[in-house]
C-alpha atoms as a PDB file:
ATOM      1  CA  MET A   1     221.570 155.107  88.934  1.00  0.00           C
ATOM      2  CA  VAL A   2     221.581 151.747  87.194  1.00  0.00           C
ATOM      3  CA  ALA A   3     219.835 149.766  89.876  1.00  0.00           C
ATOM      4  CA  LYS A   4     218.785 150.037  93.491  1.00  0.00           C
ATOM      5  CA  THR A   5     221.204 148.651  96.074  1.00  0.00           C
ATOM      6  CA  SER A   6     223.763 150.942  97.683  1.00  0.00           C
ATOM      7  CA  GLY A   7     222.960 154.373  96.336  1.00  0.00           C
ATOM      8  CA  ASN A   8     223.003 154.606  92.581  1.00  0.00           C
ATOM      9  CA  VAL A   9     224.894 151.578  91.292  1.00  0.00           C
ATOM     10  CA  SER A  10     223.701 147.994  91.232  1.00  0.00           C
ATOM     11  CA  GLY A  11     224.812 145.246  93.557  1.00  0.00           C
ATOM     12  CA  GLY A  12     224.241 141.507  93.872  1.00  0.00           C
ATOM     13  CA  ASN A  13     220.477 141.608  93.314  1.00  0.00           C
ATOM     14  CA  PRO A  14     219.898 144.426  90.823  1.00  0.00           C
ATOM     15  CA  ARG A  15     216.584 146.228  90.664  1.00  0.00           C
ATOM     16  CA  PRO A  16     215.543 149.126  88.398  1.00  0.00           C
ATOM     17  CA  GLY A  17     217.221 152.370  89.450  1.00  0.00           C
ATOM     18  CA  GLU A  18     216.714 156.003  88.564  1.00  0.00           C
ATOM     19  CA  ILE A  19     217.653 155.556  84.898  1.00  0.00           C
ATOM     20  CA  SER A  20     215.038 152.877  84.326  1.00  0.00           C
ATOM     21  CA  LEU A  21     212.480 154.697  86.451  1.00  0.00           C
ATOM     22  CA  ALA A  22     212.878 157.596  83.981  1.00  0.00           C
ATOM     23  CA  HIS A  23     212.044 155.309  81.024  1.00  0.00           C
ATOM     24  CA  ASN A  24     209.838 157.183  78.518  1.00  0.00           C
ATOM     25  CA  GLY A  25     210.306 160.322  80.587  1.00  0.00           C
ATOM     26  CA  VAL A  26     212.939 162.858  81.625  1.00  0.00           C
ATOM     27  CA  LEU A  27     215.992 162.249  83.803  1.00  0.00           C
ATOM     28  CA  PHE A  28     217.225 165.541  85.281  1.00  0.00           C
ATOM     29  CA  LEU A  29     220.689 165.707  86.841  1.00  0.00           C
ATOM     30  CA  ASP A  30     221.597 168.929  88.632  1.00  0.00           C
ATOM     31  CA  GLU A  31     225.240 169.948  89.234  1.00  0.00           C
ATOM     32  CA  LEU A  32     226.355 167.466  86.584  1.00  0.00           C
ATOM     33  CA  ALA A  33     230.088 168.046  87.102  1.00  0.00           C
ATOM     34  CA  GLU A  34     229.768 167.145  90.802  1.00  0.00           C
ATOM     35  CA  TRP A  35     228.606 163.592  90.098  1.00  0.00           C
ATOM     36  CA  SER A  36     231.237 160.853  90.239  1.00  0.00           C
ATOM     37  CA  ARG A  37     233.011 160.038  86.984  1.00  0.00           C
ATOM     38  CA  TYR A  38     231.866 156.407  87.257  1.00  0.00           C
ATOM     39  CA  THR A  39     228.206 157.359  87.609  1.00  0.00           C
ATOM     40  CA  LEU A  40     228.387 159.698  84.635  1.00  0.00           C
ATOM     41  CA  GLU A  41     230.047 157.062  82.456  1.00  0.00           C
ATOM     42  CA  VAL A  42     227.230 154.634  83.321  1.00  0.00           C
ATOM     43  CA  LEU A  43     224.914 156.967  81.380  1.00  0.00           C
ATOM     44  CA  ARG A  44     226.680 156.267  78.101  1.00  0.00           C
ATOM     45  CA  GLN A  45     225.165 152.846  77.401  1.00  0.00           C
ATOM     46  CA  PRO A  46     221.489 153.732  77.965  1.00  0.00           C
ATOM     47  CA  LEU A  47     221.834 157.036  76.089  1.00  0.00           C
ATOM     48  CA  GLU A  48     223.013 155.017  73.086  1.00  0.00           C
ATOM     49  CA  SER A  49     220.917 151.851  73.296  1.00  0.00           C
ATOM     50  CA  GLY A  50     217.925 152.697  75.476  1.00  0.00           C
ATOM     51  CA  VAL A  51     218.603 149.820  77.863  1.00  0.00           C
ATOM     52  CA  VAL A  52     220.712 149.160  80.946  1.00  0.00           C
ATOM     53  CA  THR A  53     222.504 145.815  81.204  1.00  0.00           C
ATOM     54  CA  VAL A  54     223.785 144.682  84.593  1.00  0.00           C
ATOM     55  CA  SER A  55     226.032 141.614  84.621  1.00  0.00           C
ATOM     56  CA  ARG A  56     226.764 139.508  87.667  1.00  0.00           C
ATOM     57  CA  ALA A  57     228.567 136.197  88.062  1.00  0.00           C
ATOM     58  CA  ALA A  58     225.357 134.171  88.085  1.00  0.00           C
ATOM     59  CA  ARG A  59     223.041 136.251  85.946  1.00  0.00           C
ATOM     60  CA  GLN A  60     222.565 139.198  83.608  1.00  0.00           C
ATOM     61  CA  SER A  61     219.662 141.607  83.931  1.00  0.00           C
ATOM     62  CA  GLU A  62     218.424 144.124  81.393  1.00  0.00           C
ATOM     63  CA  PHE A  63     216.206 147.107  82.195  1.00  0.00           C
ATOM     64  CA  PRO A  64     214.504 149.569  79.803  1.00  0.00           C
ATOM     65  CA  ALA A  65     216.060 153.031  79.899  1.00  0.00           C
ATOM     66  CA  ARG A  66     214.954 155.204  76.998  1.00  0.00           C
ATOM     67  CA  PHE A  67     214.768 158.664  78.527  1.00  0.00           C
ATOM     68  CA  GLN A  68     215.521 162.282  77.750  1.00  0.00           C
ATOM     69  CA  LEU A  69     218.533 163.498  79.694  1.00  0.00           C
ATOM     70  CA  VAL A  70     218.420 167.080  80.965  1.00  0.00           C
ATOM     71  CA  ALA A  71     221.398 168.246  83.012  1.00  0.00           C
ATOM     72  CA  ALA A  72     222.657 171.494  84.507  1.00  0.00           C
ATOM     73  CA  MET A  73     226.066 172.579  85.738  1.00  0.00           C
ATOM     74  CA  ASN A  74     227.947 175.737  86.623  1.00  0.00           C
ATOM     75  CA  PRO A  75     230.395 177.090  84.025  1.00  0.00           C
ATOM     76  CA  CYS A  76     233.245 176.920  86.568  1.00  0.00           C
ATOM     77  CA  PRO A  77     233.834 176.058  90.257  1.00  0.00           C
ATOM     78  CA  CYS A  78     232.746 179.522  91.474  1.00  0.00           C
ATOM     79  CA  GLY A  79     229.826 179.671  89.031  1.00  0.00           C
ATOM     80  CA  TRP A  80     230.587 183.080  87.509  1.00  0.00           C
ATOM     81  CA  ALA A  81     232.673 182.292  84.414  1.00  0.00           C
ATOM     82  CA  GLY A  82     231.497 184.353  81.458  1.00  0.00           C
ATOM     83  CA  ASP A  83     229.304 186.666  83.529  1.00  0.00           C
ATOM     84  CA  PRO A  84     229.537 190.341  82.447  1.00  0.00           C
ATOM     85  CA  SER A  85     230.163 191.339  86.067  1.00  0.00           C
ATOM     86  CA  GLY A  86     233.642 189.801  85.910  1.00  0.00           C
ATOM     87  CA  ARG A  87     233.145 188.150  89.308  1.00  0.00           C
ATOM     88  CA  CYS A  88     234.782 184.853  88.288  1.00  0.00           C
ATOM     89  CA  VAL A  89     237.991 184.238  90.251  1.00  0.00           C
ATOM     90  CA  CYS A  90     238.809 180.816  88.764  1.00  0.00           C
ATOM     91  CA  PRO A  91     242.140 180.382  86.934  1.00  0.00           C
ATOM     92  CA  ALA A  92     241.811 179.056  83.376  1.00  0.00           C
ATOM     93  CA  GLU A  93     243.304 175.691  84.330  1.00  0.00           C
ATOM     94  CA  SER A  94     240.765 175.351  87.153  1.00  0.00           C
ATOM     95  CA  VAL A  95     237.885 175.939  84.732  1.00  0.00           C
ATOM     96  CA  GLN A  96     239.374 173.395  82.323  1.00  0.00           C
ATOM     97  CA  ARG A  97     239.728 170.753  85.052  1.00  0.00           C
ATOM     98  CA  TYR A  98     236.156 171.361  86.160  1.00  0.00           C
ATOM     99  CA  ARG A  99     234.720 170.921  82.678  1.00  0.00           C
ATOM    100  CA  ALA A 100     236.984 167.941  81.987  1.00  0.00           C
ATOM    101  CA  LYS A 101     234.958 165.954  84.541  1.00  0.00           C
ATOM    102  CA  LEU A 102     232.617 165.303  81.611  1.00  0.00           C
ATOM    103  CA  SER A 103     234.303 162.885  79.232  1.00  0.00           C
ATOM    104  CA  GLY A 104     234.304 163.323  75.478  1.00  0.00           C
ATOM    105  CA  PRO A 105     232.240 160.134  74.888  1.00  0.00           C
ATOM    106  CA  LEU A 106     229.564 161.404  77.285  1.00  0.00           C
ATOM    107  CA  LEU A 107     229.468 164.848  75.640  1.00  0.00           C
ATOM    108  CA  ASP A 108     229.118 163.113  72.265  1.00  0.00           C
ATOM    109  CA  ARG A 109     225.744 161.854  73.450  1.00  0.00           C
ATOM    110  CA  ILE A 110     224.418 165.231  74.639  1.00  0.00           C
ATOM    111  CA  ASP A 111     222.889 166.886  71.581  1.00  0.00           C
ATOM    112  CA  LEU A 112     222.225 170.357  72.996  1.00  0.00           C
ATOM    113  CA  GLN A 113     224.895 172.075  75.090  1.00  0.00           C
ATOM    114  CA  LEU A 114     223.777 175.589  75.965  1.00  0.00           C
ATOM    115  CA  ALA A 115     224.944 178.468  78.127  1.00  0.00           C
ATOM    116  CA  VAL A 116     222.119 180.100  80.099  1.00  0.00           C
ATOM    117  CA  PRO A 117     223.340 183.569  81.152  1.00  0.00           C
ATOM    118  CA  ARG A 118     222.034 185.481  84.134  1.00  0.00           C
ATOM    119  CA  LEU A 119     219.072 187.659  83.145  1.00  0.00           C
ATOM    120  CA  PRO A 120     219.391 191.426  83.617  1.00  0.00           C
ATOM    121  CA  PRO A 121     216.995 192.841  86.238  1.00  0.00           C
ATOM    122  CA  GLU A 122     214.895 194.669  83.642  1.00  0.00           C
ATOM    123  CA  ALA A 123     214.070 191.360  81.945  1.00  0.00           C
ATOM    124  CA  LEU A 124     212.319 190.244  85.137  1.00  0.00           C
ATOM    125  CA  ARG A 125     209.858 193.129  85.207  1.00  0.00           C
ATOM    126  CA  PRO A 126     206.176 192.086  84.982  1.00  0.00           C
ATOM    127  CA  GLU A 127     205.746 194.149  81.811  1.00  0.00           C
ATOM    128  CA  ALA A 128     208.834 192.674  80.082  1.00  0.00           C
ATOM    129  CA  PRO A 129     208.152 190.711  76.839  1.00  0.00           C
ATOM    130  CA  ARG A 130     207.575 187.023  77.529  1.00  0.00           C
ATOM    131  CA  GLY A 131     208.175 185.609  74.065  1.00  0.00           C
ATOM    132  CA  GLU A 132     206.153 182.767  72.569  1.00  0.00           C
ATOM    133  CA  SER A 133     203.657 180.904  74.696  1.00  0.00           C
ATOM    134  CA  SER A 134     204.082 177.194  75.386  1.00  0.00           C
ATOM    135  CA  ALA A 135     200.914 176.523  73.381  1.00  0.00           C
ATOM    136  CA  VAL A 136     202.412 178.103  70.244  1.00  0.00           C
ATOM    137  CA  VAL A 137     205.663 176.175  70.649  1.00  0.00           C
ATOM    138  CA  ARG A 138     203.723 172.951  71.221  1.00  0.00           C
ATOM    139  CA  GLU A 139     201.883 173.321  67.926  1.00  0.00           C
ATOM    140  CA  ARG A 140     205.152 173.808  66.052  1.00  0.00           C
ATOM    141  CA  VAL A 141     206.710 170.782  67.758  1.00  0.00           C
ATOM    142  CA  LEU A 142     203.699 168.591  66.956  1.00  0.00           C
ATOM    143  CA  ALA A 143     203.844 169.691  63.307  1.00  0.00           C
ATOM    144  CA  ALA A 144     207.564 168.858  63.112  1.00  0.00           C
ATOM    145  CA  ARG A 145     206.973 165.481  64.771  1.00  0.00           C
ATOM    146  CA  ALA A 146     204.263 164.672  62.213  1.00  0.00           C
ATOM    147  CA  ILE A 147     206.686 165.513  59.397  1.00  0.00           C
ATOM    148  CA  GLN A 148     209.286 163.149  60.843  1.00  0.00           C
ATOM    149  CA  LEU A 149     206.872 160.246  61.321  1.00  0.00           C
ATOM    150  CA  ALA A 150     205.552 160.668  57.783  1.00  0.00           C
ATOM    151  CA  ARG A 151     209.072 160.704  56.365  1.00  0.00           C
ATOM    152  CA  SER A 152     210.697 157.779  58.172  1.00  0.00           C
ATOM    153  CA  GLY A 153     208.200 156.271  60.602  1.00  0.00           C
ATOM    154  CA  VAL A 154     210.219 157.416  63.632  1.00  0.00           C
ATOM    155  CA  THR A 155     211.330 160.694  65.141  1.00  0.00           C
ATOM    156  CA  ASN A 156     214.710 162.041  64.073  1.00  0.00           C
ATOM    157  CA  ALA A 157     216.246 161.098  67.418  1.00  0.00           C
ATOM    158  CA  ALA A 158     215.487 157.426  66.680  1.00  0.00           C
ATOM    159  CA  LEU A 159     217.011 157.354  63.184  1.00  0.00           C
ATOM    160  CA  SER A 160     219.624 154.658  62.608  1.00  0.00           C
ATOM    161  CA  GLN A 161     222.986 155.560  61.128  1.00  0.00           C
ATOM    162  CA  ALA A 162     221.874 154.407  57.681  1.00  0.00           C
ATOM    163  CA  ASP A 163     218.602 156.347  57.906  1.00  0.00           C
ATOM    164  CA  THR A 164     220.479 159.414  59.135  1.00  0.00           C
ATOM    165  CA  GLU A 165     222.634 159.311  56.019  1.00  0.00           C
ATOM    166  CA  THR A 166     219.501 158.965  53.885  1.00  0.00           C
ATOM    167  CA  HIS A 167     217.251 161.592  55.471  1.00  0.00           C
ATOM    168  CA  CYS A 168     219.893 164.093  56.618  1.00  0.00           C
ATOM    169  CA  ARG A 169     221.795 164.453  53.369  1.00  0.00           C
ATOM    170  CA  LEU A 170     223.561 167.793  52.884  1.00  0.00           C
ATOM    171  CA  ALA A 171     224.234 169.936  49.848  1.00  0.00           C
ATOM    172  CA  PRO A 172     227.943 170.523  49.028  1.00  0.00           C
ATOM    173  CA  ARG A 173     228.081 173.911  50.796  1.00  0.00           C
ATOM    174  CA  GLU A 174     226.611 172.513  54.009  1.00  0.00           C
ATOM    175  CA  GLN A 175     228.770 169.398  53.800  1.00  0.00           C
ATOM    176  CA  GLN A 176     231.866 171.593  53.664  1.00  0.00           C
ATOM    177  CA  LEU A 177     230.673 173.505  56.741  1.00  0.00           C
ATOM    178  CA  LEU A 178     230.122 170.253  58.650  1.00  0.00           C
ATOM    179  CA  GLU A 179     233.535 168.864  57.727  1.00  0.00           C
ATOM    180  CA  SER A 180     235.261 172.116  58.706  1.00  0.00           C
ATOM    181  CA  ALA A 181     233.489 172.084  62.081  1.00  0.00           C
ATOM    182  CA  MET A 182     234.424 168.446  62.667  1.00  0.00           C
ATOM    183  CA  ALA A 183     238.065 169.226  62.010  1.00  0.00           C
ATOM    184  CA  SER A 184     238.197 172.375  64.153  1.00  0.00           C
ATOM    185  CA  LEU A 185     236.204 170.917  67.068  1.00  0.00           C
ATOM    186  CA  GLN A 186     237.672 167.416  66.676  1.00  0.00           C
ATOM    187  CA  LEU A 187     234.212 165.877  66.694  1.00  0.00           C
ATOM    188  CA  SER A 188     233.632 162.141  66.551  1.00  0.00           C
ATOM    189  CA  ALA A 189     231.489 160.331  63.981  1.00  0.00           C
ATOM    190  CA  ARG A 190     228.861 159.835  66.694  1.00  0.00           C
ATOM    191  CA  ALA A 191     228.710 163.577  67.334  1.00  0.00           C
ATOM    192  CA  MET A 192     228.494 164.206  63.590  1.00  0.00           C
ATOM    193  CA  HIS A 193     225.426 161.983  63.229  1.00  0.00           C
ATOM    194  CA  ARG A 194     223.771 163.653  66.209  1.00  0.00           C
ATOM    195  CA  ILE A 195     224.444 167.074  64.680  1.00  0.00           C
ATOM    196  CA  LEU A 196     222.871 165.929  61.423  1.00  0.00           C
ATOM    197  CA  ARG A 197     219.748 164.653  63.186  1.00  0.00           C
ATOM    198  CA  LEU A 198     219.489 167.897  65.142  1.00  0.00           C
ATOM    199  CA  ALA A 199     219.901 169.981  61.980  1.00  0.00           C
ATOM    200  CA  ARG A 200     217.178 167.864  60.347  1.00  0.00           C
ATOM    201  CA  THR A 201     214.902 168.598  63.320  1.00  0.00           C
ATOM    202  CA  ILE A 202     215.596 172.337  63.119  1.00  0.00           C
ATOM    203  CA  ALA A 203     214.696 172.239  59.420  1.00  0.00           C
ATOM    204  CA  ASP A 204     211.487 170.346  60.263  1.00  0.00           C
ATOM    205  CA  LEU A 205     210.556 172.991  62.846  1.00  0.00           C
ATOM    206  CA  ASP A 206     211.095 175.516  60.050  1.00  0.00           C
ATOM    207  CA  ALA A 207     208.915 173.364  57.753  1.00  0.00           C
ATOM    208  CA  GLN A 208     211.730 173.107  55.215  1.00  0.00           C
ATOM    209  CA  PRO A 209     212.305 169.956  53.122  1.00  0.00           C
ATOM    210  CA  ASP A 210     216.095 170.337  53.047  1.00  0.00           C
ATOM    211  CA  ILE A 211     218.722 171.110  55.687  1.00  0.00           C
ATOM    212  CA  GLY A 212     219.888 174.632  54.950  1.00  0.00           C
ATOM    213  CA  HIS A 213     223.050 176.464  55.945  1.00  0.00           C
ATOM    214  CA  ALA A 214     221.288 178.235  58.838  1.00  0.00           C
ATOM    215  CA  HIS A 215     219.844 174.956  60.155  1.00  0.00           C
ATOM    216  CA  LEU A 216     223.244 173.262  60.220  1.00  0.00           C
ATOM    217  CA  ALA A 217     224.987 176.331  61.674  1.00  0.00           C
ATOM    218  CA  GLU A 218     222.421 176.450  64.476  1.00  0.00           C
ATOM    219  CA  ALA A 219     222.928 172.755  65.251  1.00  0.00           C
ATOM    220  CA  LEU A 220     226.687 173.275  65.396  1.00  0.00           C
ATOM    221  CA  SER A 221     226.267 176.274  67.692  1.00  0.00           C
ATOM    222  CA  TYR A 222     224.796 173.983  70.337  1.00  0.00           C
ATOM    223  CA  ARG A 223     228.113 172.102  70.812  1.00  0.00           C
ATOM    224  CA  LEU A 224     229.190 174.566  73.526  1.00  0.00           C
ATOM    225  CA  LEU A 225     231.321 172.194  75.604  1.00  0.00           C
ATOM    226  CA  ASP A 226     233.048 170.833  72.519  1.00  0.00           C
ATOM    227  CA  ARG A 227     234.171 174.389  71.772  1.00  0.00           C
ATOM    228  CA  ALA A 228     235.195 174.936  75.399  1.00  0.00           C
ATOM    229  CA  THR A 229     237.441 171.870  75.407  1.00  0.00           C
END
């Protein structure tokens, strides 16, 4: 995924691979837990820095790689963990081993970790409510983006650590909630800053100047795999 040679990883003459080809776009990885551990760990550098650096004995090459990572995986080896039908046959240790294929440092860099349950049949009826249209959501996202650019000149995702501390400051009640969550989930400082930026974004979507308790609680609720491990 770093550069084109044999499959996904670079060789003697590196060329841009899938990560760089997704620059300024979306990189979608299906069945995330089935990818090799090495390939998944390669994602850590570009997710943090926006570039891929490939070093060889004679030269070093750098490729742009600022992309949005979207990934999907089953909740367990059989795929039915958590389903109301009770069809999952995986022992608890098997589920834990399966999810442990994703390292803590990689999960730190994935801001939104969500469970997508199977829809009941009645929700698929043509007359079932469809929720908000994409056009309505788009307008809200554009408004939130404008707020962020006016405030700091960049989107929240691009805030530095210092700017995160400046623009994502919490009131004492929210700070206590964050610290309690960090202790119970054993979150890293990197995860904490990503949670703050996400909470700031949720507040912007709500057109609120400050990060409220509900905004922070929602951001914390998206750390699904941190809770599972």
